[in-house]
Amino acid sequence: MPGTDKPCHLCEYKINYIDYKDTQFLRRFMSPHAKILGRKRTGSCQKHQKVITKALKRARHMALLPFVPTTSRKN
């Protein structure tokens, strides 16, 4: 149903720029398996989802966030 979704958190607080160095904020948009969560899971609009994705990829490239999960496996 249109109009029943909650508004985008970033639109609500008028956030236009997401700093890739703010890893605590960016972790909200990642799964425990280090995957980028989709728009339906994060509740963000298309415009801000693109900004989030770009910031996450920059943080990964700068080695601030992992490409793969950091859990240890026992054999």
C-alpha atoms as a PDB file:
ATOM      1  CA  MET A   1       0.000   0.000   0.000  1.00  0.00           C
ATOM      2  CA  PRO A   2       1.460   3.359  -0.925  1.00  0.00           C
ATOM      3  CA  GLY A   3       2.059   5.813   1.847  1.00  0.00           C
ATOM      4  CA  THR A   4       2.278   3.265   4.668  1.00  0.00           C
ATOM      5  CA  ASP A   5       6.068   3.022   4.672  1.00  0.00           C
ATOM      6  CA  LYS A   6       8.028   5.003   7.209  1.00  0.00           C
ATOM      7  CA  PRO A   7       9.966   7.978   5.840  1.00  0.00           C
ATOM      8  CA  CYS A   8      13.651   7.699   5.070  1.00  0.00           C
ATOM      9  CA  HIS A   9      15.747   8.353   8.201  1.00  0.00           C
ATOM     10  CA  LEU A  10      18.233  10.417   6.220  1.00  0.00           C
ATOM     11  CA  CYS A  11      15.526  12.510   4.537  1.00  0.00           C
ATOM     12  CA  GLU A  12      13.867  13.098   7.894  1.00  0.00           C
ATOM     13  CA  TYR A  13      17.046  14.622   9.386  1.00  0.00           C
ATOM     14  CA  LYS A  14      18.097  16.285   6.097  1.00  0.00           C
ATOM     15  CA  ILE A  15      21.381  14.374   5.805  1.00  0.00           C
ATOM     16  CA  ASN A  16      22.824  14.777   2.305  1.00  0.00           C
ATOM     17  CA  TYR A  17      26.419  13.648   2.822  1.00  0.00           C
ATOM     18  CA  ILE A  18      27.550  10.467   4.552  1.00  0.00           C
ATOM     19  CA  ASP A  19      31.174  10.399   5.637  1.00  0.00           C
ATOM     20  CA  TYR A  20      32.876   7.125   4.707  1.00  0.00           C
ATOM     21  CA  LYS A  21      35.085   7.446   7.804  1.00  0.00           C
ATOM     22  CA  ASP A  22      32.076   7.166  10.146  1.00  0.00           C
ATOM     23  CA  THR A  23      32.164   3.375  10.388  1.00  0.00           C
ATOM     24  CA  GLN A  24      29.755   3.105  13.328  1.00  0.00           C
ATOM     25  CA  PHE A  25      27.030   4.814  11.283  1.00  0.00           C
ATOM     26  CA  LEU A  26      27.799   2.753   8.177  1.00  0.00           C
ATOM     27  CA  ARG A  27      27.614  -0.554  10.069  1.00  0.00           C
ATOM     28  CA  ARG A  28      23.882   0.072  10.507  1.00  0.00           C
ATOM     29  CA  PHE A  29      23.519  -0.557   6.777  1.00  0.00           C
ATOM     30  CA  MET A  30      25.505  -3.813   6.715  1.00  0.00           C
ATOM     31  CA  SER A  31      24.442  -7.346   7.581  1.00  0.00           C
ATOM     32  CA  PRO A  32      26.487  -9.451  10.024  1.00  0.00           C
ATOM     33  CA  HIS A  33      27.950 -11.122   6.929  1.00  0.00           C
ATOM     34  CA  ALA A  34      29.348  -7.762   5.719  1.00  0.00           C
ATOM     35  CA  LYS A  35      26.788  -7.417   2.927  1.00  0.00           C
ATOM     36  CA  ILE A  36      25.113  -4.126   2.082  1.00  0.00           C
ATOM     37  CA  LEU A  37      21.477  -4.250   3.145  1.00  0.00           C
ATOM     38  CA  GLY A  38      18.762  -3.342   0.673  1.00  0.00           C
ATOM     39  CA  ARG A  39      16.406  -0.373   0.756  1.00  0.00           C
ATOM     40  CA  LYS A  40      13.519  -2.351   2.227  1.00  0.00           C
ATOM     41  CA  ARG A  41      15.639  -3.499   5.170  1.00  0.00           C
ATOM     42  CA  THR A  42      17.232  -0.108   5.876  1.00  0.00           C
ATOM     43  CA  GLY A  43      14.169   2.010   5.145  1.00  0.00           C
ATOM     44  CA  SER A  44      16.111   4.508   3.052  1.00  0.00           C
ATOM     45  CA  CYS A  45      15.010   6.119  -0.203  1.00  0.00           C
ATOM     46  CA  GLN A  46      16.716   5.433  -3.529  1.00  0.00           C
ATOM     47  CA  LYS A  47      18.739   8.649  -3.441  1.00  0.00           C
ATOM     48  CA  HIS A  48      20.175   7.961  -0.006  1.00  0.00           C
ATOM     49  CA  GLN A  49      20.681   4.238  -0.669  1.00  0.00           C
ATOM     50  CA  LYS A  50      23.055   5.172  -3.500  1.00  0.00           C
ATOM     51  CA  VAL A  51      24.944   7.543  -1.179  1.00  0.00           C
ATOM     52  CA  ILE A  52      25.146   4.850   1.513  1.00  0.00           C
ATOM     53  CA  THR A  53      26.404   2.263  -0.970  1.00  0.00           C
ATOM     54  CA  LYS A  54      29.070   4.598  -2.304  1.00  0.00           C
ATOM     55  CA  ALA A  55      30.253   5.446   1.230  1.00  0.00           C
ATOM     56  CA  LEU A  56      30.366   1.750   2.204  1.00  0.00           C
ATOM     57  CA  LYS A  57      32.399   0.874  -0.867  1.00  0.00           C
ATOM     58  CA  ARG A  58      34.824   3.719  -0.189  1.00  0.00           C
ATOM     59  CA  ALA A  59      35.228   2.608   3.424  1.00  0.00           C
ATOM     60  CA  ARG A  60      35.908  -0.951   2.266  1.00  0.00           C
ATOM     61  CA  HIS A  61      38.471   0.250  -0.241  1.00  0.00           C
ATOM     62  CA  MET A  62      40.234   2.290   2.465  1.00  0.00           C
ATOM     63  CA  ALA A  63      40.207  -0.822   4.730  1.00  0.00           C
ATOM     64  CA  LEU A  64      37.938   0.789   7.326  1.00  0.00           C
ATOM     65  CA  LEU A  65      35.251  -1.874   6.847  1.00  0.00           C
ATOM     66  CA  PRO A  66      35.673  -5.537   5.902  1.00  0.00           C
ATOM     67  CA  PHE A  67      34.844  -7.055   2.538  1.00  0.00           C
ATOM     68  CA  VAL A  68      34.125 -10.370   4.253  1.00  0.00           C
ATOM     69  CA  PRO A  69      32.790 -11.230   7.730  1.00  0.00           C
ATOM     70  CA  THR A  70      35.356 -11.144  10.533  1.00  0.00           C
ATOM     71  CA  THR A  71      34.061 -14.186  12.439  1.00  0.00           C
ATOM     72  CA  SER A  72      36.532 -16.915  13.214  1.00  0.00           C
ATOM     73  CA  ARG A  73      35.798 -20.503  12.232  1.00  0.00           C
ATOM     74  CA  LYS A  74      36.688 -23.532  14.322  1.00  0.00           C
ATOM     75  CA  ASN A  75      37.500 -26.803  12.625  1.00  0.00           C
END
